[in-house]
Protein backbone atom coordinates (compact mmCIF):
# COMPACT_ATOMS: atom_id res chain seq x y z
CA MET A 1 0.00 0.00 0.00
CA THR A 2 1.38 3.41 -0.95
CA ALA A 3 0.83 6.55 1.08
CA SER A 4 -0.71 8.20 -1.95
CA ASP A 5 -3.29 5.40 -2.28
CA ALA A 6 -4.24 5.63 1.39
CA ARG A 7 -4.51 9.39 1.18
CA ALA A 8 -6.60 9.23 -1.99
CA LEU A 9 -9.00 6.73 -0.43
CA ALA A 10 -9.20 8.72 2.83
CA THR A 11 -10.00 11.86 0.85
CA ARG A 12 -12.73 10.05 -1.06
CA LEU A 13 -14.22 8.54 2.08
CA ALA A 14 -14.42 12.01 3.62
CA THR A 15 -16.54 13.22 0.68
CA LEU A 16 -19.14 10.43 0.91
CA ASP A 17 -22.50 11.07 2.53
CA PRO A 18 -23.38 8.91 5.57
CA ASP A 19 -25.55 6.50 3.54
CA ALA A 20 -22.83 5.81 0.95
CA LEU A 21 -20.20 5.50 3.67
CA ALA A 22 -22.33 3.04 5.65
CA THR A 23 -22.98 1.03 2.47
CA LEU A 24 -19.24 0.77 1.83
CA PHE A 25 -18.51 -0.32 5.40
CA ASP A 26 -21.33 -2.86 5.25
CA ALA A 27 -20.09 -4.26 1.94
CA ARG A 28 -16.61 -4.67 3.42
CA HIS A 29 -18.04 -6.30 6.60
CA ILE A 30 -16.61 -3.67 8.92
CA ALA A 31 -17.67 -4.15 12.54
CA PRO A 32 -19.74 -1.14 13.72
CA SER A 33 -17.70 -1.18 16.94
CA THR A 34 -14.44 -0.56 15.05
CA THR A 35 -12.32 2.05 16.86
CA TRP A 36 -11.12 4.16 13.94
CA THR A 37 -10.47 7.77 14.90
CA ASP A 38 -10.32 9.38 11.45
CA PHE A 39 -10.63 8.68 7.74
CA PHE A 40 -6.92 7.94 7.49
CA ASP A 41 -7.42 5.03 9.90
CA ALA A 42 -10.31 3.84 7.76
CA ALA A 43 -8.29 4.04 4.53
CA ASP A 44 -5.32 2.22 6.06
CA ALA A 45 -7.57 -0.58 7.29
CA LEU A 46 -9.49 -0.93 4.03
CA LEU A 47 -6.22 -1.24 2.07
CA ASP A 48 -4.56 -3.57 4.57
CA PRO A 49 -3.55 -6.84 2.83
CA THR A 50 -5.28 -9.03 5.40
CA HIS A 51 -8.52 -7.07 5.10
CA LEU A 52 -8.31 -7.11 1.31
CA THR A 53 -7.93 -10.89 1.35
CA ARG A 54 -11.23 -11.10 3.23
CA ALA A 55 -12.80 -8.55 0.89
CA PHE A 56 -11.83 -10.62 -2.14
CA ALA A 57 -14.20 -13.36 -0.96
CA ASP A 58 -17.00 -11.09 -2.20
CA VAL A 59 -15.35 -10.33 -5.55
CA SER A 60 -17.07 -12.16 -8.39
CA ASP A 61 -15.28 -13.87 -11.25
CA LEU A 62 -16.44 -11.13 -13.61
CA GLU A 63 -15.10 -8.40 -11.33
CA ALA A 64 -11.78 -10.20 -10.90
CA ALA A 65 -11.42 -10.55 -14.66
CA ALA A 66 -12.26 -6.87 -15.16
CA LEU A 67 -9.67 -5.86 -12.54
CA ARG A 68 -6.98 -7.98 -14.18
CA ALA A 69 -7.78 -6.62 -17.63
CA ALA A 70 -7.63 -3.04 -16.34
CA LEU A 71 -4.30 -3.62 -14.57
CA GLU A 72 -2.75 -5.23 -17.64
CA THR A 73 -3.73 -2.37 -19.92
CA GLY A 74 -3.44 0.46 -17.42
CA SER A 75 -7.02 1.45 -18.21
CA PRO A 76 -9.95 1.85 -15.80
CA VAL A 77 -12.32 -0.99 -15.00
CA SER A 78 -15.18 -1.35 -17.47
CA PRO A 79 -18.16 0.90 -16.58
CA ALA A 80 -20.52 -2.11 -16.26
CA LEU A 81 -18.62 -3.38 -13.20
CA ARG A 82 -17.09 -0.17 -11.93
CA ASP A 83 -19.85 0.98 -9.58
CA GLY A 84 -19.79 -2.20 -7.50
CA LEU A 85 -16.02 -2.04 -7.05
CA VAL A 86 -16.08 1.69 -6.26
CA ALA A 87 -18.81 1.10 -3.68
CA ARG A 88 -16.52 -1.38 -1.88
CA GLY A 89 -13.44 0.86 -1.96
CA LEU A 90 -11.47 -1.43 -4.30
CA VAL A 91 -11.04 1.11 -7.12
CA ASP A 92 -11.15 4.90 -7.18
CA GLU A 93 -14.01 6.88 -8.64
CA ASN A 94 -12.37 6.74 -12.08
CA GLY A 95 -12.17 2.96 -12.02
CA HIS A 96 -8.44 2.60 -11.35
CA ALA A 97 -7.46 -0.07 -8.82
CA TYR A 98 -5.46 0.97 -5.78
CA GLY A 99 -1.96 -0.47 -5.62
CA ALA A 100 -2.76 -2.59 -2.57
CA VAL A 101 -5.73 -4.09 -4.42
CA ALA A 102 -3.52 -5.00 -7.37
CA SER A 103 -1.04 -6.70 -5.03
CA ALA A 104 -3.82 -8.60 -3.24
CA LEU A 105 -5.24 -9.76 -6.57
CA ASP A 106 -1.83 -11.07 -7.66
CA ALA A 107 -1.49 -12.96 -4.37
CA ALA A 108 -5.04 -14.34 -4.31
CA THR A 109 -5.39 -18.10 -4.77
CA PRO A 110 -8.61 -19.31 -6.41
CA VAL A 111 -10.56 -22.06 -4.65
CA ASP A 112 -11.36 -25.30 -6.43
CA ALA A 113 -14.64 -24.98 -8.31
CA PRO A 114 -17.16 -27.67 -7.29
CA ALA A 115 -18.90 -29.97 -9.74
CA LEU A 116 -22.61 -29.17 -9.99
CA PHE A 117 -25.62 -30.66 -11.80
CA PRO A 118 -24.33 -34.19 -12.44
CA GLY A 119 -27.70 -35.47 -13.66
CA GLU A 120 -29.34 -35.64 -17.06
CA ARG A 121 -31.96 -33.43 -18.63
CA GLU A 122 -35.54 -34.51 -17.92
CA SER A 123 -38.82 -33.88 -19.67
CA ASP A 124 -40.99 -30.87 -18.81
CA ALA A 125 -43.62 -33.28 -17.44
CA ALA A 126 -41.07 -34.89 -15.12
CA SER A 127 -39.97 -31.46 -13.88
CA ALA A 128 -43.60 -30.50 -13.25
CA GLU A 129 -44.09 -33.71 -11.25
CA ARG A 130 -41.04 -32.83 -9.16
CA ALA A 131 -42.42 -29.33 -8.63
CA PHE A 132 -45.71 -30.80 -7.40
CA ASP A 133 -43.90 -33.18 -5.05
CA ALA A 134 -41.71 -30.37 -3.71
CA VAL A 135 -44.72 -28.16 -2.98
CA ALA A 136 -46.54 -31.02 -1.25
CA SER A 137 -43.46 -31.93 0.78
CA LEU A 138 -42.84 -28.36 1.87
CA ALA A 139 -46.49 -28.04 2.89
CA ASP A 140 -46.11 -31.19 5.00
CA ILE A 141 -43.04 -29.72 6.69
CA LEU A 142 -44.81 -26.46 7.46
CA HIS A 143 -47.80 -28.35 8.84
CA ALA A 144 -45.40 -30.31 11.05
CA ALA A 145 -43.79 -27.06 12.22
CA THR A 146 -47.26 -25.67 12.99
CA ARG A 147 -47.86 -28.50 15.46
CA THR A 148 -44.34 -28.59 16.93
CA PRO A 149 -41.37 -26.38 15.99
CA LEU A 150 -38.64 -28.30 14.21
CA GLY A 151 -35.33 -28.84 15.96
CA ARG A 152 -32.38 -26.73 14.85
CA ILE A 153 -28.74 -27.46 15.67
CA GLY A 154 -25.91 -24.97 16.12
CA SER A 155 -24.95 -24.91 12.43
CA GLY A 156 -28.53 -23.91 11.54
CA ALA A 157 -29.36 -27.28 9.99
CA LEU A 158 -32.35 -29.43 10.83
CA SER A 159 -31.85 -31.70 13.83
CA ALA A 160 -31.17 -35.38 13.10
CA GLY A 161 -34.30 -36.45 14.99
CA ASP A 162 -36.59 -34.24 12.94
CA ARG A 163 -34.89 -35.28 9.70
CA ARG A 164 -35.83 -38.89 10.50
CA ARG A 165 -39.31 -37.87 11.64
CA LEU A 166 -40.03 -36.01 8.40
CA VAL A 167 -38.75 -38.91 6.30
CA ASP A 168 -40.77 -41.45 8.29
CA ALA A 169 -43.89 -39.28 7.91
CA GLY A 170 -43.40 -39.14 4.13
CA ALA A 171 -42.80 -35.38 4.11
CA ALA A 172 -39.35 -35.89 2.53
CA GLY A 173 -37.86 -38.73 0.55
CA THR A 174 -34.42 -38.65 2.17
CA PRO A 175 -32.75 -36.80 5.06
CA ASP A 176 -30.91 -34.64 2.51
CA ASP A 177 -34.27 -33.74 0.91
CA ALA A 178 -35.55 -32.70 4.34
CA ASP A 179 -32.52 -30.44 4.84
CA THR A 180 -32.94 -28.89 1.41
CA LEU A 181 -36.67 -28.27 1.84
CA VAL A 182 -36.14 -26.61 5.23
CA ALA A 183 -33.42 -24.47 3.62
CA ILE A 184 -35.87 -23.49 0.88
CA ALA A 185 -38.51 -22.55 3.47
CA ALA A 186 -35.99 -20.51 5.44
CA GLU A 187 -34.68 -18.74 2.32
CA ALA A 188 -38.25 -17.94 1.26
CA GLY A 189 -39.18 -16.61 4.71
CA LEU A 190 -41.69 -19.38 5.45
CA LEU A 191 -39.70 -20.68 8.43
CA ALA A 192 -37.76 -18.58 10.93
CA GLY A 193 -34.81 -19.96 12.84
CA SER A 194 -34.02 -19.30 16.47
CA ASP A 195 -31.25 -20.80 18.59
CA ARG A 196 -32.81 -24.27 18.72
CA THR A 197 -35.96 -24.31 16.58
CA TRP A 198 -37.41 -23.67 13.15
CA THR A 199 -40.85 -22.04 13.52
CA ILE A 200 -43.45 -21.30 10.87
CA THR A 201 -43.85 -17.61 10.06
CA GLU A 202 -46.90 -15.54 9.18
CA ALA A 203 -45.82 -15.75 5.55
CA GLY A 204 -45.63 -19.54 5.89
CA ALA A 205 -49.12 -19.75 7.37
CA THR A 206 -50.45 -17.58 4.53
CA TRP A 207 -48.62 -19.71 1.97
CA LEU A 208 -50.38 -22.83 3.26
CA GLY A 209 -53.71 -21.24 2.38
CA THR A 210 -52.88 -20.84 -1.33
CA ARG A 211 -53.19 -23.25 -4.25
CA THR A 212 -50.40 -25.46 -5.57
CA VAL A 213 -49.32 -23.39 -8.57
CA GLU A 214 -49.40 -20.16 -6.58
CA ARG A 215 -47.33 -21.86 -3.86
CA TRP A 216 -44.68 -22.90 -6.36
CA VAL A 217 -44.52 -19.52 -8.09
CA ASP A 218 -44.30 -17.63 -4.79
CA VAL A 219 -41.33 -19.64 -3.53
CA ALA A 220 -39.63 -19.60 -6.95
CA HIS A 221 -39.73 -15.80 -7.02
CA ARG A 222 -38.44 -15.58 -3.46
CA LEU A 223 -35.55 -17.93 -4.24
CA ARG A 224 -34.62 -15.98 -7.35
CA GLU A 225 -34.67 -12.69 -5.44
CA ARG A 226 -32.33 -14.17 -2.83
CA LEU A 227 -29.68 -15.37 -5.29
CA PRO A 228 -26.24 -13.79 -4.71
CA ASP A 229 -25.38 -10.88 -6.98
CA ALA A 230 -22.60 -12.93 -8.58
CA LEU A 231 -25.23 -15.32 -9.99
CA ARG A 232 -27.69 -12.66 -11.11
CA ALA A 233 -27.99 -11.62 -14.75
CA PRO A 234 -28.43 -7.92 -15.62
CA GLU A 235 -32.00 -8.50 -16.84
CA GLY A 236 -33.06 -9.92 -13.46
CA GLY A 237 -32.72 -13.65 -14.03
CA TRP A 238 -29.61 -15.72 -13.40
CA ARG A 239 -26.39 -16.52 -15.21
CA ALA A 240 -25.92 -19.84 -16.96
CA PRO A 241 -25.61 -22.49 -14.22
CA ALA A 242 -22.40 -23.76 -15.86
CA GLU A 243 -20.79 -20.50 -14.67
CA TRP A 244 -21.94 -20.84 -11.05
CA PRO A 245 -19.07 -22.96 -9.67
CA GLY A 246 -16.46 -20.25 -10.26
CA ALA A 247 -18.65 -17.21 -9.53
CA HIS A 248 -16.70 -16.38 -6.33
CA PRO A 249 -13.18 -17.65 -7.09
CA PHE A 250 -11.59 -16.42 -3.84
CA ASP A 251 -14.29 -17.37 -1.32
CA PRO A 252 -13.42 -20.57 0.59
CA ALA A 253 -17.07 -20.95 1.61
CA TRP A 254 -18.38 -20.63 -1.93
CA PRO A 255 -18.21 -24.32 -2.99
CA ASP A 256 -20.49 -25.41 -0.15
CA ARG A 257 -22.76 -22.41 -0.58
CA VAL A 258 -23.24 -22.87 -4.32
CA ARG A 259 -23.91 -26.58 -3.83
CA ARG A 260 -26.76 -25.68 -1.46
CA LEU A 261 -28.13 -23.11 -3.88
CA ALA A 262 -28.02 -25.57 -6.77
CA ALA A 263 -29.71 -28.22 -4.63
CA MET A 264 -32.50 -25.83 -3.63
CA LEU A 265 -33.28 -24.69 -7.17
CA THR A 266 -33.13 -28.28 -8.44
CA GLN A 267 -35.36 -29.54 -5.62
CA TRP A 268 -37.86 -26.81 -6.43
CA ALA A 269 -37.73 -27.78 -10.15
CA MET A 270 -36.53 -24.35 -11.23
CA LEU A 271 -33.60 -26.29 -12.70
CA THR A 272 -33.38 -29.83 -14.01
CA PRO A 273 -30.67 -32.22 -12.77
CA ASP A 274 -28.36 -31.15 -15.63
CA GLY A 275 -28.66 -27.43 -14.78
CA SER A 276 -31.03 -26.44 -17.57
CA SER A 277 -34.54 -25.08 -16.93
CA PRO A 278 -37.85 -26.71 -17.79
CA LYS A 279 -39.43 -24.94 -20.73
CA TRP A 280 -42.29 -23.69 -18.55
CA ALA A 281 -39.76 -22.15 -16.11
CA GLU A 282 -37.46 -20.51 -18.68
CA GLY A 283 -39.05 -17.11 -18.06
CA LEU A 284 -37.59 -17.11 -14.56
CA THR A 285 -34.06 -17.42 -15.94
CA LEU A 286 -34.64 -14.27 -18.01
CA GLY A 287 -36.09 -12.18 -15.20
CA ASP A 288 -39.70 -12.77 -16.27
CA ASP A 289 -42.42 -15.08 -14.95
CA ALA A 290 -42.82 -18.81 -15.40
CA ASP A 291 -45.48 -20.06 -17.84
CA ILE A 292 -48.12 -20.75 -15.21
CA ASP A 293 -50.68 -22.15 -17.66
CA ALA A 294 -48.15 -24.63 -19.07
CA LEU A 295 -47.18 -25.72 -15.55
CA ARG A 296 -50.79 -26.08 -14.43
CA ALA A 297 -51.55 -28.26 -17.47
CA LEU A 298 -48.81 -30.69 -16.44
CA LEU A 299 -49.79 -30.97 -12.76
CA PRO A 300 -52.17 -33.60 -11.37
CA HIS A 301 -55.78 -32.44 -11.22
CA GLU A 302 -56.74 -31.36 -7.72
CA VAL A 303 -60.02 -32.57 -6.23
CA ASP A 304 -62.44 -30.92 -3.83
CA LYS A 305 -64.23 -34.03 -2.54
CA VAL A 306 -63.32 -37.07 -0.46
CA TYR A 307 -64.85 -40.43 0.42
CA LEU A 308 -65.64 -40.74 4.14
CA GLN A 309 -65.41 -44.37 5.23
CA ASN A 310 -67.02 -46.34 8.07
CA ASP A 311 -63.57 -47.11 9.49
CA LEU A 312 -63.13 -43.38 10.35
CA THR A 313 -60.91 -42.62 7.35
CA ALA A 314 -61.24 -40.16 4.50
CA ILE A 315 -59.84 -41.00 1.06
CA ALA A 316 -59.17 -38.24 -1.45
CA PRO A 317 -59.35 -39.64 -5.03
CA GLY A 318 -56.60 -37.21 -6.05
CA PRO A 319 -54.52 -34.39 -4.60
CA LEU A 320 -56.90 -32.48 -2.36
CA GLU A 321 -57.13 -28.72 -2.88
CA PRO A 322 -54.68 -27.11 -0.43
CA GLN A 323 -57.30 -25.08 1.45
CA LEU A 324 -59.43 -28.18 2.02
CA ASP A 325 -56.40 -30.27 2.92
CA GLN A 326 -55.35 -27.65 5.44
CA ARG A 327 -58.70 -27.67 7.23
CA LEU A 328 -59.08 -31.45 7.07
CA ARG A 329 -55.68 -31.83 8.75
CA THR A 330 -57.01 -29.93 11.76
CA THR A 331 -59.49 -32.71 12.47
CA ALA A 332 -57.83 -35.83 11.02
CA ARG A 333 -54.31 -37.23 10.77
CA ARG A 334 -53.07 -37.79 7.26
CA GLU A 335 -51.70 -41.31 6.93
CA SER A 336 -50.48 -41.36 3.33
CA ARG A 337 -49.62 -38.87 0.64
CA ALA A 338 -50.11 -40.24 -2.81
CA GLN A 339 -52.47 -39.60 -5.67
CA ALA A 340 -55.12 -40.97 -3.27
CA ALA A 341 -54.32 -39.55 0.16
CA THR A 342 -55.75 -41.10 3.32
CA TYR A 343 -56.77 -39.24 6.48
CA ARG A 344 -57.80 -40.87 9.79
CA PHE A 345 -60.18 -39.46 12.40
CA THR A 346 -59.63 -40.27 16.08
CA ALA A 347 -61.02 -38.97 19.34
CA ASP A 348 -57.79 -37.03 19.83
CA THR A 349 -57.81 -35.41 16.38
CA ILE A 350 -61.45 -34.42 16.68
CA GLY A 351 -60.82 -33.07 20.17
CA ALA A 352 -57.93 -31.04 18.76
CA ALA A 353 -60.28 -29.58 16.16
CA PHE A 354 -62.66 -28.52 18.92
CA ALA A 355 -59.72 -26.98 20.78
CA GLY A 356 -58.92 -25.03 17.62
CA GLY A 357 -62.39 -23.50 17.47
CA GLU A 358 -64.51 -26.08 15.64
CA THR A 359 -67.89 -27.13 17.00
CA ALA A 360 -69.84 -30.29 16.32
CA ALA A 361 -72.12 -28.33 14.00
CA SER A 362 -69.33 -26.60 12.05
CA LEU A 363 -67.32 -29.80 11.70
CA THR A 364 -70.32 -31.83 10.55
CA ALA A 365 -71.24 -29.13 8.01
CA PHE A 366 -67.68 -29.06 6.63
CA LEU A 367 -67.48 -32.83 6.29
CA THR A 368 -70.95 -33.04 4.72
CA GLU A 369 -69.90 -30.50 2.07
CA LEU A 370 -66.57 -32.25 1.53
CA SER A 371 -67.84 -35.83 1.32
CA LEU A 372 -69.04 -37.64 -1.77
CA THR A 373 -70.72 -40.22 0.43
CA GLY A 374 -72.17 -38.21 3.32
CA VAL A 375 -71.00 -38.53 6.92
CA PRO A 376 -70.98 -42.21 8.01
CA GLN A 377 -72.73 -43.08 11.25
CA PRO A 378 -69.53 -44.16 13.06
CA LEU A 379 -67.89 -40.80 12.32
CA ALA A 380 -71.02 -38.86 13.28
CA TYR A 381 -71.12 -40.77 16.56
CA GLU A 382 -67.43 -40.07 17.24
CA ILE A 383 -68.02 -36.36 16.64
CA GLU A 384 -71.02 -36.35 19.02
CA ARG A 385 -69.08 -38.27 21.68
CA ALA A 386 -66.06 -35.93 21.40
CA ALA A 387 -68.34 -32.90 21.57
CA ALA A 388 -70.04 -34.24 24.71
CA ARG A 389 -66.69 -34.80 26.41
CA HIS A 390 -65.04 -31.62 25.16
CA GLY A 391 -65.27 -28.83 27.65
CA THR A 392 -66.00 -31.07 30.62
CA LEU A 393 -63.07 -29.19 32.13
CA ARG A 394 -62.63 -25.47 31.55
CA VAL A 395 -59.37 -23.58 31.94
CA GLY A 396 -59.02 -19.82 32.03
CA LEU A 397 -57.73 -16.79 33.90
CA ASP A 398 -59.88 -15.72 36.86
CA ARG A 399 -60.41 -12.19 38.24
CA GLN A 400 -57.51 -12.57 40.67
CA GLY A 401 -55.04 -13.43 37.91
CA TYR A 402 -54.80 -17.14 38.72
CA THR A 403 -55.40 -19.95 36.22
CA ARG A 404 -58.64 -21.65 37.28
CA ILE A 405 -59.74 -25.18 36.35
CA SER A 406 -63.44 -25.87 36.78
CA GLY A 407 -65.89 -28.56 35.69
CA ASP A 408 -66.63 -32.17 36.50
CA ARG A 409 -65.91 -32.88 40.19
CA ASP A 410 -64.66 -36.44 39.62
CA LEU A 411 -62.25 -35.29 36.94
CA LEU A 412 -61.00 -32.47 39.16
CA GLN A 413 -60.28 -34.97 41.92
CA ALA A 414 -58.40 -37.17 39.44
CA ILE A 415 -56.37 -34.18 38.25
CA ASN A 416 -55.48 -33.18 41.79
CA VAL A 417 -53.83 -36.55 42.43
CA ASP A 418 -52.32 -37.00 38.94
CA HIS A 419 -48.54 -37.19 39.42
CA ALA A 420 -47.93 -36.05 35.82
CA LEU A 421 -49.60 -32.74 36.67
CA ARG A 422 -47.74 -32.04 39.92
CA PRO A 423 -45.51 -29.38 38.23
CA LEU A 424 -48.65 -27.22 37.91
CA GLY A 425 -48.79 -26.79 41.69
CA LEU A 426 -52.57 -27.15 41.79
CA VAL A 427 -54.39 -25.83 44.87
CA PRO A 428 -58.09 -26.50 45.68
CA ASP A 429 -60.24 -23.37 45.78
CA GLY A 430 -63.84 -24.24 46.58
CA ASP A 431 -65.06 -26.62 43.89
CA ASP A 432 -62.23 -25.61 41.52
CA LEU A 433 -58.46 -25.93 41.25
CA VAL A 434 -56.15 -22.93 40.77
CA THR A 435 -52.50 -22.57 39.75
CA ARG A 436 -50.00 -19.83 39.07
CA THR A 437 -49.03 -21.52 35.80
CA SER A 438 -50.25 -19.76 32.65
CA PRO A 439 -53.61 -20.84 31.17
CA ASP A 440 -51.99 -21.99 27.90
CA THR A 441 -49.40 -24.19 29.62
CA THR A 442 -52.04 -25.58 31.97
CA TYR A 443 -54.37 -26.30 29.04
CA TRP A 444 -51.76 -28.25 27.08
CA MET A 445 -50.58 -30.24 30.07
CA LEU A 446 -54.17 -31.33 30.70
CA SER A 447 -54.76 -32.01 27.01
CA ASP A 448 -51.58 -34.08 26.71
CA SER A 449 -52.79 -36.12 29.69
CA ARG A 450 -56.00 -36.87 27.71
CA TYR A 451 -58.37 -34.77 29.84
CA PRO A 452 -61.34 -33.23 27.93
CA VAL A 453 -60.35 -29.61 28.46
CA LEU A 454 -61.62 -26.35 26.96
CA ALA A 455 -59.81 -23.02 27.07
CA VAL A 456 -62.02 -20.05 27.99
CA ASP A 457 -61.48 -16.31 28.29
CA ALA A 458 -62.10 -14.13 31.35
CA ASP A 459 -65.83 -14.06 30.58
CA GLY A 460 -66.04 -17.86 30.29
CA ALA A 461 -66.43 -17.88 26.50
CA PRO A 462 -64.50 -20.57 24.58
CA ARG A 463 -61.32 -19.34 22.94
CA PRO A 464 -59.23 -21.15 20.30
CA ILE A 465 -55.72 -21.92 21.43
CA GLY A 466 -52.64 -22.96 19.47
CA ARG A 467 -49.86 -25.00 20.96
CA HIS A 468 -47.23 -22.97 19.15
CA GLU A 469 -47.54 -19.39 18.05
CA VAL A 470 -46.82 -18.39 14.47
CA VAL A 471 -43.89 -16.00 14.51
CA GLU A 472 -43.74 -12.82 12.54
CA SER A 473 -41.88 -13.00 9.25
CA PRO A 474 -38.22 -12.07 9.77
CA ALA A 475 -37.86 -8.30 9.92
CA PRO A 476 -35.33 -6.67 7.61
CA ALA A 477 -31.98 -5.93 9.16
CA PRO A 478 -31.51 -2.38 10.49
CA ALA A 479 -30.37 0.06 7.83
CA ALA A 480 -26.59 0.23 7.47
CA THR A 481 -26.68 3.95 8.23
CA ASP A 482 -28.22 3.26 11.65
CA ARG A 483 -25.73 0.53 12.51
CA TYR A 484 -22.71 2.60 11.53
CA ARG A 485 -23.98 5.95 12.79
CA PRO A 486 -21.64 6.20 15.84
CA LEU A 487 -18.57 5.24 13.79
CA ILE A 488 -19.44 7.66 11.01
CA GLU A 489 -20.02 10.49 13.48
CA THR A 490 -16.58 9.82 15.00
CA LEU A 491 -14.92 9.89 11.58
CA ARG A 492 -16.69 13.05 10.44
CA ALA A 493 -15.85 14.80 13.72
CA SER A 494 -12.18 14.29 12.89
CA LEU A 495 -12.37 16.29 9.66
CA SER A 496 -10.03 19.27 9.49
CA ASP A 497 -10.21 22.39 7.36
CA ASP A 498 -6.61 21.72 6.32
CA ALA A 499 -6.56 18.16 5.00
CA ASP A 500 -2.96 18.51 3.78
CA ALA A 501 -1.74 19.43 7.26
CA ALA A 502 -3.72 16.58 8.81
CA TRP A 503 -2.24 14.07 6.40
CA LEU A 504 1.29 15.44 6.94
CA GLU A 505 0.95 15.11 10.71
CA ARG A 506 -0.33 11.54 10.30
CA GLU A 507 2.70 10.59 8.16
CA LEU A 508 5.05 12.09 10.73
CA ASP A 509 3.27 10.34 13.59
CA GLN A 510 3.62 6.99 11.83
CA ALA A 511 7.33 7.67 11.22
CA VAL A 512 7.87 8.46 14.90
CA ARG A 513 6.02 5.36 16.07
CA THR A 514 8.12 3.10 13.80
CA ARG A 515 11.36 5.09 14.29
CA SER A 516 11.56 5.43 10.52
CA THR A 517 14.13 7.42 8.59
CA ILE A 518 12.38 9.92 6.32
CA ASP A 519 13.28 12.61 3.80
CA ILE A 520 11.69 15.93 4.68
CA THR A 521 11.40 19.01 2.54
CA VAL A 522 11.57 22.11 4.74
CA ARG A 523 10.63 25.66 3.72
CA MET A 524 13.30 28.12 4.86
CA PRO A 525 12.58 31.67 6.09
CA ASP A 526 13.70 33.13 2.73
CA GLY A 527 11.17 31.00 0.87
CA SER A 528 13.62 28.46 -0.44
CA THR A 529 13.37 24.74 0.38
CA ARG A 530 15.88 22.29 1.74
CA ASP A 531 15.81 18.50 2.00
CA VAL A 532 16.76 16.90 5.30
CA THR A 533 17.06 13.20 6.16
CA LEU A 534 15.90 12.55 9.73
CA GLU A 535 15.41 9.56 11.94
CA ALA A 536 12.05 10.57 13.46
CA ALA A 537 12.16 10.52 17.26
CA GLY A 538 9.31 12.59 18.64
CA LEU A 539 6.28 14.68 17.72
CA GLY A 540 4.51 17.20 19.95
CA GLY A 541 3.78 20.84 20.53
CA GLY A 542 3.65 21.47 16.80
CA ARG A 543 7.24 20.30 16.29
CA LEU A 544 9.06 17.26 14.94
CA ARG A 545 12.23 16.05 16.67
CA GLY A 546 14.74 13.76 15.00
CA ARG A 547 18.40 13.03 14.29
CA ASP A 548 19.87 14.54 11.12
CA ARG A 549 21.75 11.65 9.52
CA ALA A 550 24.06 13.85 7.45
CA ALA A 551 25.16 16.19 10.27
CA ASP A 552 24.70 13.62 13.06
CA VAL A 553 22.88 16.15 15.21
CA GLU A 554 19.36 16.26 16.66
CA ARG A 555 17.07 18.79 15.05
CA THR A 556 13.65 20.17 16.00
CA LEU A 557 11.53 21.41 13.12
CA PRO A 558 8.22 23.31 13.32
CA LEU A 559 5.46 21.44 11.48
CA SER A 560 4.45 24.65 9.75
CA SER A 561 7.80 24.63 7.93
CA ILE A 562 7.57 21.06 6.67
CA VAL A 563 6.38 20.88 3.06
CA SER A 564 6.44 17.15 2.41
CA VAL A 565 7.56 13.78 3.80
CA ARG A 566 8.89 10.77 1.91
CA PRO A 567 10.09 7.42 3.22
CA VAL A 568 13.74 6.66 2.57
């Protein structure tokens, strides 16, 4: 790094507005807590070889090629790629690379490009079938996350137990498929990760209420929008997948990252196993929309009726419309997912539907409308029996702020001696039981112990209750300007009216700290100049102290007389 480069970058940084400055710092992954005191500190750090090595992880293959071409010819970087490099402080505003950047580029070692898309091209119909399966599988995963959040390990991946559970339930074909589908949901904002769980978001819950084609298109657009800039084409689509392996030649993490991206787009049938796109999805590659009509024509026909059987099962003669499937799952457990899906009703599933707000009347009306064969007597009886039992116990917050359990006296006595419920700390209060535990926790502990419990509000009216809350869709990260505001204010407070004097003092301070020998041009009282070679020893009070090598004497020079400084 040359002093002139650092000074030029510091000068440019000082001219940027806070938004542009914050964008540059963010692009270079500068910690907001960085303790720079002025723009010279910032320039030195940004041109430091170690920092540039990290910055080159974000340089695309096209940008690296443009930098090399510019350095070989001595010309500026091509205008098409200049803005991105200027915004990261790698070239000046005219497109010329700083010397330290050129040195870092020469020293950079490309990573080995991974092999992607080893499969063969498939027919459009086969891709459409994969798209249908992917949508159905992702819906199954989100339904599972609605009932119980999925486990998440420290790396952010799905827990091994839930991978097996999803495969065993038929929601994913293999553990790797389960990982990829969860990654798709997370990338699309349908699942949100915390320290130990994956939880369905509001966007995910909304997505479950849409039809199959709309589900696929929504996720496809979200995945395309989230592609790294290095894979994006100028028109809004993506570059040829054959170019993806080397898109970030200096990023050690890129091979694994691009493998995951390729797996996600292939799983979602945006790409075929050989990296090409189905004809009906080609619009996405160009920044346009997929051919929805062509896709819909290739998908299995969805049905809106089922056969209700005497053995308490429901059989859909084809893929059930998503909205109907979603509601049916609240009252029956799906046992198979094929062209003819099977759902089973039990006392527990019907009781769960009542807990979610259904009544015997509303459930019977829904099933009557849904069924091609009416509601069989055994199922009608099971609904009546569950309705009679449901609400035998009522749980809610009383006027004193305690959770109160009321209802059947025999059941209350059984609860009071149930060892599984001892953590609730139940205390008799008249004919009821009270606890300091929250109503929701109390409700689910009773429900899990198979007691016919109903959640009620403060007025005693039934209220629907979910075991796990849907989380809000992930909020966007705070604006870079807000995160870097303290640092930027510190840097701008350091600005001086005399930038030349500030830079000169910085050069002298560095020379003193390293005990460097420097050539100094001094302006004499008569206006002439004289060059002096000093070993810098001290700086303070507006004066530089050092040993004159030629005369072997110590000199003290006023800073106001020093014109320039050069390293020996």
